[in-house]
Amino acid sequence: MNEVIQRLRSANPALMVAVTALMVLAVAFSIPRFAMRQSPWMIDFKAFYCAATTATQRDDPYLQQPLYDCESKSTGPFLVHTRNHIVVPAPLPGYAIAAFVPLSLLPYRMAAGVWALVLIGAFVLSVHVLSLLTGIERWVVFSASFLPLIVFPLAAGNPAPISICAISLCALWLRHERYALAAAAATVAMIEPHLALPIVISLALWAPRSRPVLMIGILALAALSFAFLGLSENVEYMTRVLPAQTAAELRHIFQFSLSAVLYAFGLSATAAAHYGELSYLVMALLGILVAGRLYANGRDPAYLVFAPAAFVVLGGPYMHADQIAAAIPLALVLSTKTEQGRLLAVLALLLLAVPWEFVAFTGDPIIVATLAVLVLACCFLGMRLGLVLTVIATLALVLLNVWLPHTGTLAHATGQPRALAEASWTIEVAATYSHGSAAAWWSRALTWVGLILLLWSAISRALPSRRSGTHGVQPEATSG
């Protein structure tokens, strides 16, 4: 056990458990007020639920009118229903939509409750697995991941917690040389394909014993997609839906893609999307190479999973705030190391543990974010510096919340039966979720800085150190 983990375990557990309990209570009290004011609760899940319902009725789940017929139905207080021909798209591949079919057979309110329990269960399992992988106490892992990995995704109802849970299990099974199970977990993580695809390639390259199950899993997903939707809808998804979704979200406040940045600086939507796609390829390749280098140096095989996931969320054509949480496992692992790059990883963890734009935009979880920073900073950096950083983070959140515009206009779209759902979603984003203010950019910049620090830390550990020459380093101790 290294000195970093010893220091983490020497913290007063009763005090820290009390702090994490306060975080849960603060979120529980803020949920009704947040839902009543914003009315977007489970907004993404409603789209996935309706896409599955539409597909089972043999209609196209990517078109505006079939989705609107389902999404516009009132489902009671706190749960979203669309109006004025505005449609929330479901830009998932066919196999992912098929996964929602069992829930689509239930009444919507019951299905939403079941889905919330699934997401919470995935989060709890992720905390447990990451604690085993890193040797960090569960309440510290909880503090690092509570806001980005469950509060924000639960508000929207998106599947990111399931993908990140599968990624964590994949790393754990790799460490225990359970290659078939690791490959199966990577296949499950493909519910968020742009997060998991670099992991699948990394395993195929650096863990050859995982290849047979990986191949079976990918072929099974492809077969399910074609069996569920048919050829035309799958072609439509690849050639029309993905580009349209990228274009629709270029102005979204929770969009972290390079394409969104380039579009804001004046590039056309087409050019911004192309450069975003190129950056995705570059970052995926870099993450896979860094993962291979760390593994070749005799380090933890969990890097084969965590490094590609963390690298690929910086840049790209489409990257939502909830998907940034895929970088947290790597930040937790690197934050426990005693070698070069640890301070960078700790600072990255502090920045990534707070979804700044979400907290600033809603205002309700500010106390939760403050408590999360307090726990992490005091545990990793000591009480004095931890308190200073907590005060700075709290002031930043309050200022961003005051500075950030919170008003939007009511969007209206026209009914276009055969148009893609993204046609009306573009109007909704422009009216409700588009904020070009300096505060909106500052809130995202804090997350980007955290990602850059984390990737810098990983690269510094992948490169041969001066003390160890060019022949790598000794294998590092692992937990779990």
Protein backbone atom coordinates (compact mmCIF):
# COMPACT_ATOMS: atom_id res chain seq x y z
CA MET A 1 0.00 0.00 0.00
CA ASN A 2 1.60 3.31 -1.03
CA GLU A 3 1.75 6.42 1.10
CA VAL A 4 -1.00 8.19 -0.83
CA ILE A 5 -3.56 5.48 -0.09
CA GLN A 6 -2.38 5.31 3.53
CA ARG A 7 -3.02 9.04 3.91
CA LEU A 8 -6.45 8.70 2.32
CA ARG A 9 -7.37 5.92 4.72
CA SER A 10 -6.14 7.90 7.72
CA ALA A 11 -8.87 10.52 7.28
CA ASN A 12 -11.67 10.57 9.83
CA PRO A 13 -14.21 8.17 8.31
CA ALA A 14 -17.11 9.30 10.49
CA LEU A 15 -16.64 12.92 9.43
CA MET A 16 -16.33 12.03 5.75
CA VAL A 17 -19.34 9.69 5.80
CA ALA A 18 -21.34 12.52 7.38
CA VAL A 19 -20.23 14.88 4.59
CA THR A 20 -21.22 12.42 1.86
CA ALA A 21 -24.58 11.88 3.58
CA LEU A 22 -25.13 15.63 3.47
CA MET A 23 -24.42 15.54 -0.27
CA VAL A 24 -27.15 12.95 -0.81
CA LEU A 25 -29.63 14.87 1.32
CA ALA A 26 -28.88 18.13 -0.48
CA VAL A 27 -29.60 16.50 -3.85
CA ALA A 28 -32.75 14.82 -2.53
CA PHE A 29 -34.16 18.16 -1.37
CA SER A 30 -33.22 19.94 -4.59
CA ILE A 31 -34.77 17.40 -7.01
CA PRO A 32 -38.43 18.52 -6.70
CA ARG A 33 -37.54 22.21 -7.00
CA PHE A 34 -35.23 21.55 -9.95
CA ALA A 35 -37.83 19.41 -11.72
CA MET A 36 -40.66 21.89 -11.17
CA ARG A 37 -38.59 24.81 -12.42
CA GLN A 38 -36.84 23.25 -15.41
CA SER A 39 -39.22 20.36 -16.29
CA PRO A 40 -36.59 18.30 -18.12
CA TRP A 41 -36.57 15.32 -15.76
CA MET A 42 -35.68 12.12 -17.68
CA ILE A 43 -35.71 14.06 -20.95
CA ASP A 44 -33.29 11.67 -22.67
CA PHE A 45 -34.97 8.55 -21.31
CA LYS A 46 -38.31 9.71 -22.73
CA ALA A 47 -36.66 9.84 -26.16
CA PHE A 48 -35.16 6.36 -25.80
CA TYR A 49 -38.43 4.96 -24.46
CA CYS A 50 -40.37 6.44 -27.37
CA ALA A 51 -37.76 5.32 -29.90
CA ALA A 52 -38.13 1.74 -28.69
CA THR A 53 -41.92 2.06 -28.76
CA THR A 54 -41.83 3.47 -32.29
CA ALA A 55 -39.46 0.77 -33.55
CA THR A 56 -41.61 -2.04 -32.14
CA GLN A 57 -44.53 -0.52 -34.07
CA ARG A 58 -42.43 -0.88 -37.24
CA ASP A 59 -41.94 2.84 -37.69
CA ASP A 60 -38.70 4.82 -38.00
CA PRO A 61 -37.42 5.84 -34.52
CA TYR A 62 -35.25 8.59 -35.97
CA LEU A 63 -38.07 10.63 -37.54
CA GLN A 64 -39.81 13.62 -35.99
CA GLN A 65 -43.50 12.74 -36.20
CA PRO A 66 -43.45 9.15 -34.88
CA LEU A 67 -41.36 10.27 -31.91
CA TYR A 68 -43.55 13.31 -31.29
CA ASP A 69 -46.69 11.18 -31.16
CA CYS A 70 -45.17 9.39 -28.19
CA GLU A 71 -43.13 12.16 -26.52
CA SER A 72 -46.02 14.64 -26.50
CA LYS A 73 -48.14 12.44 -24.24
CA SER A 74 -48.37 13.89 -20.71
CA THR A 75 -46.78 11.63 -18.10
CA GLY A 76 -47.53 13.57 -14.92
CA PRO A 77 -45.56 15.99 -12.75
CA PHE A 78 -41.75 16.16 -12.90
CA LEU A 79 -41.56 13.99 -16.05
CA VAL A 80 -41.03 15.64 -19.41
CA HIS A 81 -43.44 15.74 -22.32
CA THR A 82 -42.76 17.73 -25.47
CA ARG A 83 -44.95 20.40 -27.05
CA ASN A 84 -45.21 22.51 -30.21
CA HIS A 85 -43.80 19.70 -32.39
CA ILE A 86 -40.45 19.85 -30.56
CA VAL A 87 -38.89 16.38 -30.44
CA VAL A 88 -35.98 15.11 -28.35
CA PRO A 89 -33.98 12.82 -30.68
CA ALA A 90 -32.77 9.33 -29.81
CA PRO A 91 -29.42 9.23 -31.65
CA LEU A 92 -28.54 5.69 -30.55
CA PRO A 93 -27.64 2.75 -32.78
CA GLY A 94 -30.25 0.06 -33.31
CA TYR A 95 -28.87 -2.35 -30.73
CA ALA A 96 -28.98 0.35 -28.03
CA ILE A 97 -32.60 1.25 -28.85
CA ALA A 98 -33.44 -2.45 -28.71
CA ALA A 99 -32.14 -2.53 -25.13
CA PHE A 100 -35.01 -0.21 -24.14
CA VAL A 101 -37.74 -2.45 -25.56
CA PRO A 102 -38.44 -4.25 -22.24
CA LEU A 103 -38.94 -0.87 -20.54
CA SER A 104 -41.16 0.35 -23.39
CA LEU A 105 -43.62 -2.41 -22.52
CA LEU A 106 -44.26 -0.75 -19.14
CA PRO A 107 -46.31 2.40 -18.50
CA TYR A 108 -43.97 5.36 -18.82
CA ARG A 109 -43.95 6.42 -15.16
CA MET A 110 -43.15 2.89 -14.06
CA ALA A 111 -40.50 2.55 -16.76
CA ALA A 112 -38.87 5.82 -15.68
CA GLY A 113 -38.76 4.60 -12.08
CA VAL A 114 -37.18 1.29 -13.10
CA TRP A 115 -34.64 3.11 -15.28
CA ALA A 116 -33.73 5.43 -12.40
CA LEU A 117 -33.09 2.40 -10.19
CA VAL A 118 -30.93 0.84 -12.93
CA LEU A 119 -28.83 3.99 -13.20
CA ILE A 120 -28.45 4.26 -9.42
CA GLY A 121 -27.47 0.60 -9.25
CA ALA A 122 -24.86 1.12 -11.97
CA PHE A 123 -23.46 4.08 -10.04
CA VAL A 124 -23.25 2.16 -6.76
CA LEU A 125 -21.52 -0.75 -8.49
CA SER A 126 -19.10 1.68 -10.19
CA VAL A 127 -18.14 3.19 -6.83
CA HIS A 128 -17.51 -0.27 -5.39
CA VAL A 129 -15.45 -1.45 -8.37
CA LEU A 130 -13.39 1.75 -8.57
CA SER A 131 -12.68 1.46 -4.85
CA LEU A 132 -11.39 -2.08 -5.41
CA LEU A 133 -9.29 -0.96 -8.37
CA THR A 134 -7.69 2.04 -6.70
CA GLY A 135 -7.61 1.13 -3.01
CA ILE A 136 -9.40 4.40 -2.24
CA GLU A 137 -12.18 4.34 0.34
CA ARG A 138 -15.66 4.18 -1.16
CA TRP A 139 -16.78 7.50 0.29
CA VAL A 140 -13.89 9.25 -1.46
CA VAL A 141 -14.78 7.60 -4.78
CA PHE A 142 -18.40 8.53 -4.10
CA SER A 143 -17.47 12.19 -3.63
CA ALA A 144 -15.48 12.22 -6.87
CA SER A 145 -18.22 10.67 -8.97
CA PHE A 146 -21.54 11.61 -7.34
CA LEU A 147 -22.33 14.72 -9.37
CA PRO A 148 -20.93 13.80 -12.80
CA LEU A 149 -21.75 10.09 -12.74
CA ILE A 150 -25.26 9.99 -11.26
CA VAL A 151 -26.86 13.36 -10.41
CA PHE A 152 -26.46 14.89 -13.86
CA PRO A 153 -27.12 11.66 -15.85
CA LEU A 154 -30.11 10.82 -13.64
CA ALA A 155 -31.64 14.23 -14.30
CA ALA A 156 -31.58 13.51 -18.04
CA GLY A 157 -31.97 9.74 -17.83
CA ASN A 158 -29.10 8.95 -20.19
CA PRO A 159 -27.16 5.66 -20.13
CA ALA A 160 -23.67 7.02 -19.36
CA PRO A 161 -23.59 5.44 -15.84
CA ILE A 162 -24.18 2.01 -17.38
CA SER A 163 -21.37 2.46 -19.89
CA ILE A 164 -18.94 3.72 -17.24
CA CYS A 165 -19.92 0.89 -14.89
CA ALA A 166 -19.18 -1.60 -17.67
CA ILE A 167 -15.85 0.13 -18.33
CA SER A 168 -14.93 -0.19 -14.65
CA LEU A 169 -15.88 -3.88 -14.58
CA CYS A 170 -13.85 -4.41 -17.74
CA ALA A 171 -10.77 -2.98 -16.00
CA LEU A 172 -11.33 -5.11 -12.89
CA TRP A 173 -11.68 -8.32 -14.90
CA LEU A 174 -8.62 -7.45 -16.97
CA ARG A 175 -6.59 -7.12 -13.80
CA HIS A 176 -7.75 -10.58 -12.74
CA GLU A 177 -7.05 -11.97 -16.24
CA ARG A 178 -10.71 -12.75 -16.86
CA TYR A 179 -10.44 -11.77 -20.50
CA ALA A 180 -13.78 -13.15 -21.66
CA LEU A 181 -15.64 -11.23 -18.96
CA ALA A 182 -13.61 -8.10 -19.73
CA ALA A 183 -14.54 -8.35 -23.41
CA ALA A 184 -18.20 -8.88 -22.51
CA ALA A 185 -18.13 -5.76 -20.31
CA ALA A 186 -16.56 -3.75 -23.14
CA THR A 187 -19.40 -4.92 -25.38
CA VAL A 188 -21.98 -3.71 -22.85
CA ALA A 189 -20.19 -0.36 -22.67
CA MET A 190 -20.99 0.06 -26.38
CA ILE A 191 -24.38 1.44 -25.33
CA GLU A 192 -22.31 4.67 -25.55
CA PRO A 193 -20.43 3.72 -28.73
CA HIS A 194 -18.14 6.73 -29.02
CA LEU A 195 -16.88 6.08 -25.46
CA ALA A 196 -16.41 2.33 -25.79
CA LEU A 197 -15.14 1.94 -29.36
CA PRO A 198 -11.53 3.00 -28.52
CA ILE A 199 -11.63 0.57 -25.57
CA VAL A 200 -12.66 -2.29 -27.85
CA ILE A 201 -9.76 -1.48 -30.19
CA SER A 202 -7.36 -1.17 -27.26
CA LEU A 203 -8.32 -4.60 -25.94
CA ALA A 204 -8.07 -6.13 -29.39
CA LEU A 205 -4.54 -4.73 -29.81
CA TRP A 206 -3.02 -5.14 -26.34
CA ALA A 207 -5.03 -8.00 -24.80
CA PRO A 208 -5.16 -10.67 -27.52
CA ARG A 209 -6.94 -13.19 -25.28
CA SER A 210 -10.00 -10.93 -25.32
CA ARG A 211 -10.33 -10.99 -29.11
CA PRO A 212 -12.65 -14.00 -29.57
CA VAL A 213 -15.32 -12.69 -27.20
CA LEU A 214 -14.88 -9.14 -28.53
CA MET A 215 -15.53 -10.38 -32.05
CA ILE A 216 -18.59 -12.34 -30.96
CA GLY A 217 -19.91 -9.32 -29.03
CA ILE A 218 -19.47 -6.82 -31.86
CA LEU A 219 -21.03 -9.20 -34.39
CA ALA A 220 -23.94 -9.77 -32.01
CA LEU A 221 -24.53 -6.02 -31.68
CA ALA A 222 -24.46 -5.59 -35.45
CA ALA A 223 -26.84 -8.50 -35.96
CA LEU A 224 -29.23 -7.11 -33.33
CA SER A 225 -29.21 -3.70 -34.99
CA PHE A 226 -30.09 -5.09 -38.41
CA ALA A 227 -32.66 -7.52 -37.03
CA PHE A 228 -34.39 -4.83 -34.98
CA LEU A 229 -34.38 -1.87 -37.39
CA GLY A 230 -33.54 -3.28 -40.80
CA LEU A 231 -31.02 -2.14 -43.36
CA SER A 232 -32.54 1.23 -44.34
CA GLU A 233 -32.76 2.60 -40.78
CA ASN A 234 -29.21 1.49 -39.98
CA VAL A 235 -27.91 3.21 -43.11
CA GLU A 236 -29.99 6.25 -42.19
CA TYR A 237 -28.44 6.29 -38.72
CA MET A 238 -24.87 6.27 -40.03
CA THR A 239 -25.32 8.65 -42.97
CA ARG A 240 -28.00 11.11 -41.77
CA VAL A 241 -28.73 10.89 -38.05
CA LEU A 242 -25.19 11.19 -36.71
CA PRO A 243 -24.30 14.26 -38.85
CA ALA A 244 -27.67 15.86 -38.08
CA GLN A 245 -27.26 15.31 -34.33
CA THR A 246 -23.79 16.85 -34.39
CA ALA A 247 -25.11 19.90 -36.25
CA ALA A 248 -28.14 20.24 -33.96
CA GLU A 249 -26.01 20.45 -30.80
CA LEU A 250 -23.26 22.79 -31.96
CA ARG A 251 -24.72 25.58 -29.79
CA HIS A 252 -25.73 23.45 -26.78
CA ILE A 253 -24.46 24.70 -23.42
CA PHE A 254 -23.67 21.14 -22.29
CA GLN A 255 -21.77 20.29 -25.48
CA PHE A 256 -17.98 19.87 -25.00
CA SER A 257 -16.96 18.82 -28.50
CA LEU A 258 -14.25 20.44 -30.56
CA SER A 259 -16.88 20.92 -33.27
CA ALA A 260 -18.91 23.16 -30.93
CA VAL A 261 -15.84 25.27 -30.17
CA LEU A 262 -14.87 25.64 -33.82
CA TYR A 263 -18.44 26.53 -34.78
CA ALA A 264 -18.48 29.24 -32.10
CA PHE A 265 -15.29 30.68 -33.62
CA GLY A 266 -16.91 31.03 -37.03
CA LEU A 267 -16.37 27.77 -38.90
CA SER A 268 -19.26 26.38 -40.86
CA ALA A 269 -21.20 23.51 -39.35
CA THR A 270 -19.83 21.13 -41.97
CA ALA A 271 -16.20 22.14 -41.46
CA ALA A 272 -16.55 22.08 -37.67
CA ALA A 273 -18.01 18.57 -37.81
CA HIS A 274 -15.21 17.31 -40.05
CA TYR A 275 -12.47 18.70 -37.80
CA GLY A 276 -14.28 17.26 -34.79
CA GLU A 277 -14.33 13.82 -36.40
CA LEU A 278 -10.63 14.12 -37.17
CA SER A 279 -9.86 15.09 -33.57
CA TYR A 280 -11.83 12.07 -32.35
CA LEU A 281 -9.65 9.77 -34.44
CA VAL A 282 -6.47 11.47 -33.22
CA MET A 283 -7.44 11.36 -29.54
CA ALA A 284 -8.63 7.76 -29.78
CA LEU A 285 -5.34 6.73 -31.39
CA LEU A 286 -3.33 8.67 -28.80
CA GLY A 287 -5.29 7.12 -25.94
CA ILE A 288 -4.77 3.62 -27.32
CA LEU A 289 -1.02 4.22 -27.78
CA VAL A 290 -0.63 5.65 -24.27
CA ALA A 291 -2.57 2.69 -22.87
CA GLY A 292 -0.28 0.28 -24.70
CA ARG A 293 2.82 2.10 -23.49
CA LEU A 294 1.71 2.03 -19.86
CA TYR A 295 0.85 -1.66 -20.16
CA ALA A 296 4.19 -2.44 -21.85
CA ASN A 297 5.99 -0.70 -18.98
CA GLY A 298 4.61 -3.33 -16.64
CA ARG A 299 1.88 -1.16 -15.22
CA ASP A 300 -1.73 -1.88 -14.32
CA PRO A 301 -3.72 -3.49 -17.20
CA ALA A 302 -6.68 -1.31 -16.17
CA TYR A 303 -4.96 1.45 -18.14
CA LEU A 304 -5.91 -0.42 -21.32
CA VAL A 305 -9.49 0.57 -20.54
CA PHE A 306 -9.27 3.84 -18.64
CA ALA A 307 -6.75 5.65 -20.85
CA PRO A 308 -8.68 5.40 -24.16
CA ALA A 309 -11.92 6.39 -22.41
CA ALA A 310 -10.32 9.49 -20.90
CA PHE A 311 -8.50 10.61 -24.03
CA VAL A 312 -11.49 10.32 -26.34
CA VAL A 313 -13.72 12.69 -24.34
CA LEU A 314 -11.45 15.64 -25.17
CA GLY A 315 -12.44 16.99 -28.59
CA GLY A 316 -14.56 15.06 -31.05
CA PRO A 317 -17.65 16.05 -33.00
CA TYR A 318 -20.11 15.30 -30.18
CA MET A 319 -19.38 15.04 -26.47
CA HIS A 320 -21.99 15.75 -23.81
CA ALA A 321 -21.22 16.73 -20.23
CA ASP A 322 -22.38 13.39 -18.81
CA GLN A 323 -19.88 11.52 -20.99
CA ILE A 324 -16.98 13.52 -19.52
CA ALA A 325 -17.39 11.33 -16.43
CA ALA A 326 -15.65 8.54 -18.37
CA ALA A 327 -12.36 10.30 -17.51
CA ILE A 328 -12.87 10.02 -13.74
CA PRO A 329 -11.66 6.39 -13.39
CA LEU A 330 -8.28 7.32 -14.89
CA ALA A 331 -8.08 10.40 -12.66
CA LEU A 332 -8.75 8.27 -9.58
CA VAL A 333 -6.07 5.74 -10.54
CA LEU A 334 -3.42 8.37 -11.28
CA SER A 335 -4.26 10.36 -8.14
CA THR A 336 -3.07 7.49 -5.94
CA LYS A 337 0.37 7.17 -7.54
CA THR A 338 3.53 8.54 -5.94
CA GLU A 339 5.43 9.09 -9.17
CA GLN A 340 5.46 11.93 -11.69
CA GLY A 341 2.17 13.49 -12.72
CA ARG A 342 0.25 12.80 -9.52
CA LEU A 343 -0.41 16.46 -8.64
CA LEU A 344 -1.72 17.05 -12.15
CA ALA A 345 -4.07 14.09 -11.74
CA VAL A 346 -5.33 15.34 -8.37
CA LEU A 347 -6.06 18.80 -9.77
CA ALA A 348 -7.77 17.15 -12.75
CA LEU A 349 -9.90 15.05 -10.40
CA LEU A 350 -11.01 18.16 -8.50
CA LEU A 351 -12.03 19.86 -11.74
CA LEU A 352 -13.76 16.81 -13.21
CA ALA A 353 -15.68 15.97 -10.02
CA VAL A 354 -17.84 19.06 -10.58
CA PRO A 355 -19.93 19.40 -13.76
CA TRP A 356 -19.45 23.16 -13.59
CA GLU A 357 -21.86 24.12 -16.35
CA PHE A 358 -24.68 21.96 -14.92
CA VAL A 359 -24.21 23.24 -11.38
CA ALA A 360 -23.94 26.85 -12.52
CA PHE A 361 -26.92 26.54 -14.89
CA THR A 362 -29.27 24.98 -12.32
CA GLY A 363 -27.85 26.48 -9.10
CA ASP A 364 -29.33 23.78 -6.87
CA PRO A 365 -26.31 21.44 -6.47
CA ILE A 366 -23.81 24.16 -5.44
CA ILE A 367 -23.67 22.89 -1.85
CA VAL A 368 -23.12 19.34 -3.14
CA ALA A 369 -20.27 20.51 -5.37
CA THR A 370 -18.73 22.39 -2.44
CA LEU A 371 -18.84 19.29 -0.25
CA ALA A 372 -17.35 17.12 -3.02
CA VAL A 373 -14.41 19.50 -3.49
CA LEU A 374 -13.97 19.70 0.29
CA VAL A 375 -13.73 15.91 0.66
CA LEU A 376 -11.40 15.39 -2.29
CA ALA A 377 -9.12 18.36 -1.71
CA CYS A 378 -8.69 17.67 2.02
CA CYS A 379 -8.06 13.95 1.44
CA PHE A 380 -5.58 14.30 -1.39
CA LEU A 381 -3.89 17.64 -0.58
CA GLY A 382 -4.31 18.18 3.16
CA MET A 383 -6.71 20.19 5.27
CA ARG A 384 -5.21 23.67 4.83
CA LEU A 385 -4.87 23.61 1.04
CA GLY A 386 -8.14 21.71 0.78
CA LEU A 387 -10.06 24.45 2.56
CA VAL A 388 -8.49 27.13 0.37
CA LEU A 389 -9.42 25.27 -2.82
CA THR A 390 -12.95 24.65 -1.52
CA VAL A 391 -13.47 28.37 -0.91
CA ILE A 392 -12.16 29.17 -4.41
CA ALA A 393 -14.41 26.55 -6.02
CA THR A 394 -17.48 27.76 -4.12
CA LEU A 395 -16.90 31.37 -5.12
CA ALA A 396 -16.43 30.30 -8.73
CA LEU A 397 -19.71 28.38 -8.72
CA VAL A 398 -21.65 31.24 -7.14
CA LEU A 399 -20.23 33.76 -9.60
CA LEU A 400 -20.95 31.51 -12.58
CA ASN A 401 -24.48 30.91 -11.35
CA VAL A 402 -25.12 34.65 -11.06
CA TRP A 403 -23.35 35.45 -14.31
CA LEU A 404 -24.88 32.72 -16.47
CA PRO A 405 -28.19 33.54 -18.23
CA HIS A 406 -31.00 31.25 -17.06
CA THR A 407 -33.83 32.27 -19.37
CA GLY A 408 -34.86 30.77 -22.66
CA THR A 409 -37.69 31.24 -25.10
CA LEU A 410 -40.50 28.81 -25.87
CA ALA A 411 -39.58 26.95 -29.05
CA HIS A 412 -42.03 26.14 -31.82
CA ALA A 413 -41.52 23.79 -34.73
CA THR A 414 -43.73 22.75 -37.60
CA GLY A 415 -44.89 19.18 -38.05
CA GLN A 416 -42.75 17.43 -40.67
CA PRO A 417 -43.74 13.74 -40.72
CA ARG A 418 -40.67 12.48 -42.58
CA ALA A 419 -38.06 14.91 -41.25
CA LEU A 420 -35.41 13.74 -38.82
CA ALA A 421 -36.07 14.50 -35.16
CA GLU A 422 -32.97 16.70 -35.16
CA ALA A 423 -34.81 19.27 -37.33
CA SER A 424 -36.98 20.38 -34.41
CA TRP A 425 -34.25 19.73 -31.82
CA THR A 426 -32.07 22.34 -33.52
CA ILE A 427 -34.82 24.90 -32.85
CA GLU A 428 -35.12 23.81 -29.22
CA VAL A 429 -31.37 24.05 -28.61
CA ALA A 430 -31.24 27.54 -30.08
CA ALA A 431 -34.17 28.69 -27.93
CA THR A 432 -33.43 26.99 -24.60
CA TYR A 433 -29.94 25.52 -24.33
CA SER A 434 -27.85 27.95 -26.36
CA HIS A 435 -25.84 30.41 -24.27
CA GLY A 436 -22.84 32.11 -25.81
CA SER A 437 -22.08 34.13 -22.68
CA ALA A 438 -18.62 34.29 -21.18
CA ALA A 439 -19.89 32.42 -18.11
CA ALA A 440 -21.01 29.49 -20.25
CA TRP A 441 -17.56 29.26 -21.81
CA TRP A 442 -15.76 29.65 -18.48
CA SER A 443 -17.80 26.84 -16.95
CA ARG A 444 -16.81 24.51 -19.78
CA ALA A 445 -13.22 25.74 -19.77
CA LEU A 446 -12.76 24.47 -16.21
CA THR A 447 -13.68 20.97 -17.38
CA TRP A 448 -11.40 21.21 -20.42
CA VAL A 449 -8.51 22.26 -18.19
CA GLY A 450 -9.19 19.25 -15.99
CA LEU A 451 -9.08 16.93 -19.00
CA ILE A 452 -5.86 18.46 -20.31
CA LEU A 453 -4.17 18.09 -16.91
CA LEU A 454 -5.29 14.47 -16.70
CA LEU A 455 -4.02 13.55 -20.17
CA TRP A 456 -0.75 15.35 -19.46
CA SER A 457 -0.39 13.29 -16.30
CA ALA A 458 -1.04 10.05 -18.21
CA ILE A 459 1.42 10.92 -20.98
CA SER A 460 4.12 11.87 -18.46
CA ARG A 461 3.79 8.43 -16.88
CA ALA A 462 3.79 6.67 -20.23
CA LEU A 463 7.04 8.29 -21.33
CA PRO A 464 10.29 6.75 -20.00
CA SER A 465 11.61 8.70 -17.02
CA ARG A 466 15.19 9.90 -16.76
CA ARG A 467 15.81 7.78 -13.72
CA SER A 468 14.53 4.59 -15.34
CA GLY A 469 16.15 5.16 -18.75
CA THR A 470 14.45 3.86 -21.86
CA HIS A 471 13.60 0.42 -20.55
CA GLY A 472 10.44 1.31 -18.68
CA VAL A 473 9.83 1.10 -14.95
CA GLN A 474 9.17 -1.58 -12.44
CA PRO A 475 5.58 -2.85 -12.27
CA GLU A 476 3.50 -0.76 -9.94
CA ALA A 477 1.46 -2.15 -7.09
CA THR A 478 -2.23 -2.58 -7.77
CA SER A 479 -5.21 -2.85 -5.52
CA GLY A 480 -8.09 -5.27 -5.71
